[in-house]
Amino acid sequence: MVWLAIDTASDKASYALKVGDKLYTREKEGVTSHAKTILTLIEELLV
């Protein structure tokens, strides 16, 4: 099973991808526009 979690509730953007038993995460602090950073961070998780 694959899970994608996205937290954009504050100035820290957090993203996690779980594939089977493996967990991949990315965080970025000081984010003022989550819409501009969300795709870049998710793309980093998938590469």
PDB file of N, CA and C in Angstrom:
ATOM      1  N   MET A   1       0.841  -1.174   0.000  1.00  0.00           N
ATOM      2  CA  MET A   1       0.000   0.000   0.000  1.00  0.00           C
ATOM      3  C   MET A   1       0.889   1.241   0.000  1.00  0.00           C
ATOM      4  N   VAL A   2       0.426   2.294  -0.650  1.00  0.00           N
ATOM      5  CA  VAL A   2       1.161   3.555  -0.740  1.00  0.00           C
ATOM      6  C   VAL A   2       0.347   4.653  -0.051  1.00  0.00           C
ATOM      7  N   TRP A   3       1.027   5.426   0.816  1.00  0.00           N
ATOM      8  CA  TRP A   3       0.388   6.537   1.515  1.00  0.00           C
ATOM      9  C   TRP A   3       1.176   7.809   1.240  1.00  0.00           C
ATOM     10  N   LEU A   4       0.482   8.913   1.022  1.00  0.00           N
ATOM     11  CA  LEU A   4       1.097  10.226   0.891  1.00  0.00           C
ATOM     12  C   LEU A   4       0.441  11.138   1.915  1.00  0.00           C
ATOM     13  N   ALA A   5       1.256  11.724   2.811  1.00  0.00           N
ATOM     14  CA  ALA A   5       0.742  12.638   3.836  1.00  0.00           C
ATOM     15  C   ALA A   5       1.328  14.022   3.590  1.00  0.00           C
ATOM     16  N   ILE A   6       0.489  15.042   3.703  1.00  0.00           N
ATOM     17  CA  ILE A   6       0.905  16.424   3.472  1.00  0.00           C
ATOM     18  C   ILE A   6       0.414  17.273   4.638  1.00  0.00           C
ATOM     19  N   ASP A   7       1.336  18.037   5.262  1.00  0.00           N
ATOM     20  CA  ASP A   7       0.968  18.942   6.346  1.00  0.00           C
ATOM     21  C   ASP A   7       1.393  20.352   5.958  1.00  0.00           C
ATOM     22  N   THR A   8       0.427  21.220   5.781  1.00  0.00           N
ATOM     23  CA  THR A   8       0.697  22.605   5.387  1.00  0.00           C
ATOM     24  C   THR A   8       0.022  23.584   6.340  1.00  0.00           C
ATOM     25  N   ALA A   9      -0.128  23.199   7.596  1.00  0.00           N
ATOM     26  CA  ALA A   9      -0.882  24.006   8.552  1.00  0.00           C
ATOM     27  C   ALA A   9      -0.079  25.164   9.143  1.00  0.00           C
ATOM     28  N   SER A  10       1.235  25.192   8.935  1.00  0.00           N
ATOM     29  CA  SER A  10       2.049  26.262   9.508  1.00  0.00           C
ATOM     30  C   SER A  10       3.086  26.705   8.483  1.00  0.00           C
ATOM     31  N   ASP A  11       4.102  27.448   8.942  1.00  0.00           N
ATOM     32  CA  ASP A  11       5.148  27.883   8.014  1.00  0.00           C
ATOM     33  C   ASP A  11       6.151  26.772   7.717  1.00  0.00           C
ATOM     34  N   LYS A  12       5.935  25.588   8.284  1.00  0.00           N
ATOM     35  CA  LYS A  12       6.746  24.420   7.961  1.00  0.00           C
ATOM     36  C   LYS A  12       5.897  23.482   7.110  1.00  0.00           C
ATOM     37  N   ALA A  13       6.394  23.163   5.940  1.00  0.00           N
ATOM     38  CA  ALA A  13       5.706  22.221   5.061  1.00  0.00           C
ATOM     39  C   ALA A  13       6.327  20.846   5.257  1.00  0.00           C
ATOM     40  N   SER A  14       5.507  19.849   5.548  1.00  0.00           N
ATOM     41  CA  SER A  14       5.993  18.490   5.768  1.00  0.00           C
ATOM     42  C   SER A  14       5.255  17.535   4.852  1.00  0.00           C
ATOM     43  N   TYR A  15       6.018  16.625   4.256  1.00  0.00           N
ATOM     44  CA  TYR A  15       5.451  15.658   3.336  1.00  0.00           C
ATOM     45  C   TYR A  15       6.062  14.305   3.622  1.00  0.00           C
ATOM     46  N   ALA A  16       5.263  13.261   3.584  1.00  0.00           N
ATOM     47  CA  ALA A  16       5.759  11.909   3.814  1.00  0.00           C
ATOM     48  C   ALA A  16       5.128  10.958   2.808  1.00  0.00           C
ATOM     49  N   LEU A  17       5.932  10.023   2.360  1.00  0.00           N
ATOM     50  CA  LEU A  17       5.475   8.992   1.441  1.00  0.00           C
ATOM     51  C   LEU A  17       5.844   7.648   2.046  1.00  0.00           C
ATOM     52  N   LYS A  18       4.864   6.767   2.213  1.00  0.00           N
ATOM     53  CA  LYS A  18       5.110   5.430   2.744  1.00  0.00           C
ATOM     54  C   LYS A  18       4.767   4.415   1.667  1.00  0.00           C
ATOM     55  N   VAL A  19       5.751   3.604   1.329  1.00  0.00           N
ATOM     56  CA  VAL A  19       5.579   2.550   0.335  1.00  0.00           C
ATOM     57  C   VAL A  19       5.968   1.247   1.015  1.00  0.00           C
ATOM     58  N   GLY A  20       4.973   0.413   1.291  1.00  0.00           N
ATOM     59  CA  GLY A  20       5.253  -0.820   2.022  1.00  0.00           C
ATOM     60  C   GLY A  20       5.808  -0.501   3.396  1.00  0.00           C
ATOM     61  N   ASP A  21       7.019  -0.989   3.686  1.00  0.00           N
ATOM     62  CA  ASP A  21       7.657  -0.733   4.980  1.00  0.00           C
ATOM     63  C   ASP A  21       8.591   0.469   4.957  1.00  0.00           C
ATOM     64  N   LYS A  22       8.765   1.106   3.813  1.00  0.00           N
ATOM     65  CA  LYS A  22       9.701   2.226   3.696  1.00  0.00           C
ATOM     66  C   LYS A  22       8.972   3.555   3.850  1.00  0.00           C
ATOM     67  N   LEU A  23       9.601   4.480   4.590  1.00  0.00           N
ATOM     68  CA  LEU A  23       9.035   5.803   4.828  1.00  0.00           C
ATOM     69  C   LEU A  23      10.029   6.858   4.353  1.00  0.00           C
ATOM     70  N   TYR A  24       9.561   7.776   3.512  1.00  0.00           N
ATOM     71  CA  TYR A  24      10.378   8.860   2.989  1.00  0.00           C
ATOM     72  C   TYR A  24       9.729  10.174   3.413  1.00  0.00           C
ATOM     73  N   THR A  25      10.524  11.114   3.912  1.00  0.00           N
ATOM     74  CA  THR A  25       9.967  12.381   4.381  1.00  0.00           C
ATOM     75  C   THR A  25      10.774  13.563   3.856  1.00  0.00           C
ATOM     76  N   ARG A  26      10.122  14.705   3.788  1.00  0.00           N
ATOM     77  CA  ARG A  26      10.756  15.973   3.436  1.00  0.00           C
ATOM     78  C   ARG A  26      10.088  17.059   4.270  1.00  0.00           C
ATOM     79  N   GLU A  27      10.897  18.022   4.706  1.00  0.00           N
ATOM     80  CA  GLU A  27      10.387  19.184   5.432  1.00  0.00           C
ATOM     81  C   GLU A  27      11.069  20.433   4.899  1.00  0.00           C
ATOM     82  N   LYS A  28      10.343  21.521   4.939  1.00  0.00           N
ATOM     83  CA  LYS A  28      10.913  22.807   4.564  1.00  0.00           C
ATOM     84  C   LYS A  28      10.324  23.852   5.492  1.00  0.00           C
ATOM     85  N   GLU A  29      11.204  24.617   6.159  1.00  0.00           N
ATOM     86  CA  GLU A  29      10.742  25.644   7.088  1.00  0.00           C
ATOM     87  C   GLU A  29      10.698  27.002   6.407  1.00  0.00           C
ATOM     88  N   GLY A  30       9.890  27.889   6.962  1.00  0.00           N
ATOM     89  CA  GLY A  30       9.782  29.243   6.448  1.00  0.00           C
ATOM     90  C   GLY A  30       9.005  29.353   5.152  1.00  0.00           C
ATOM     91  N   VAL A  31       8.111  28.426   4.912  1.00  0.00           N
ATOM     92  CA  VAL A  31       7.324  28.426   3.677  1.00  0.00           C
ATOM     93  C   VAL A  31       6.185  29.426   3.812  1.00  0.00           C
ATOM     94  N   THR A  32       6.100  30.338   2.856  1.00  0.00           N
ATOM     95  CA  THR A  32       5.002  31.311   2.874  1.00  0.00           C
ATOM     96  C   THR A  32       3.934  30.968   1.843  1.00  0.00           C
ATOM     97  N   SER A  33       4.303  30.207   0.840  1.00  0.00           N
ATOM     98  CA  SER A  33       3.342  29.784  -0.176  1.00  0.00           C
ATOM     99  C   SER A  33       3.493  28.290  -0.419  1.00  0.00           C
ATOM    100  N   HIS A  34       2.677  27.522   0.269  1.00  0.00           N
ATOM    101  CA  HIS A  34       2.763  26.066   0.150  1.00  0.00           C
ATOM    102  C   HIS A  34       2.466  25.597  -1.269  1.00  0.00           C
ATOM    103  N   ALA A  35       1.605  26.316  -1.962  1.00  0.00           N
ATOM    104  CA  ALA A  35       1.254  25.917  -3.324  1.00  0.00           C
ATOM    105  C   ALA A  35       2.473  25.934  -4.243  1.00  0.00           C
ATOM    106  N   LYS A  36       3.422  26.825  -3.970  1.00  0.00           N
ATOM    107  CA  LYS A  36       4.621  26.906  -4.806  1.00  0.00           C
ATOM    108  C   LYS A  36       5.635  25.815  -4.482  1.00  0.00           C
ATOM    109  N   THR A  37       5.594  25.264  -3.285  1.00  0.00           N
ATOM    110  CA  THR A  37       6.612  24.288  -2.882  1.00  0.00           C
ATOM    111  C   THR A  37       6.112  22.853  -2.853  1.00  0.00           C
ATOM    112  N   ILE A  38       4.813  22.655  -2.810  1.00  0.00           N
ATOM    113  CA  ILE A  38       4.265  21.311  -2.618  1.00  0.00           C
ATOM    114  C   ILE A  38       4.687  20.341  -3.725  1.00  0.00           C
ATOM    115  N   LEU A  39       4.584  20.743  -4.976  1.00  0.00           N
ATOM    116  CA  LEU A  39       4.920  19.833  -6.070  1.00  0.00           C
ATOM    117  C   LEU A  39       6.406  19.512  -6.109  1.00  0.00           C
ATOM    118  N   THR A  40       7.244  20.498  -5.813  1.00  0.00           N
ATOM    119  CA  THR A  40       8.688  20.262  -5.792  1.00  0.00           C
ATOM    120  C   THR A  40       9.062  19.256  -4.714  1.00  0.00           C
ATOM    121  N   LEU A  41       8.523  19.405  -3.520  1.00  0.00           N
ATOM    122  CA  LEU A  41       8.857  18.492  -2.431  1.00  0.00           C
ATOM    123  C   LEU A  41       8.313  17.091  -2.684  1.00  0.00           C
ATOM    124  N   ILE A  42       7.124  16.985  -3.230  1.00  0.00           N
ATOM    125  CA  ILE A  42       6.567  15.665  -3.549  1.00  0.00           C
ATOM    126  C   ILE A  42       7.388  15.008  -4.656  1.00  0.00           C
ATOM    127  N   GLU A  43       7.804  15.793  -5.634  1.00  0.00           N
ATOM    128  CA  GLU A  43       8.642  15.246  -6.705  1.00  0.00           C
ATOM    129  C   GLU A  43       9.950  14.698  -6.136  1.00  0.00           C
ATOM    130  N   GLU A  44      10.546  15.397  -5.160  1.00  0.00           N
ATOM    131  CA  GLU A  44      11.765  14.911  -4.510  1.00  0.00           C
ATOM    132  C   GLU A  44      11.524  13.570  -3.828  1.00  0.00           C
ATOM    133  N   LEU A  45      10.359  13.399  -3.249  1.00  0.00           N
ATOM    134  CA  LEU A  45      10.036  12.132  -2.588  1.00  0.00           C
ATOM    135  C   LEU A  45       9.950  10.986  -3.583  1.00  0.00           C
ATOM    136  N   LEU A  46       9.455  11.279  -4.765  1.00  0.00           N
ATOM    137  CA  LEU A  46       9.220  10.225  -5.747  1.00  0.00           C
ATOM    138  C   LEU A  46      10.466   9.842  -6.541  1.00  0.00           C
ATOM    139  N   VAL A  47      11.482  10.676  -6.517  1.00  0.00           N
ATOM    140  CA  VAL A  47      12.705  10.398  -7.302  1.00  0.00           C
ATOM    141  C   VAL A  47      13.655   9.508  -6.554  1.00  0.00           C
TER     142      VAL A  47
END
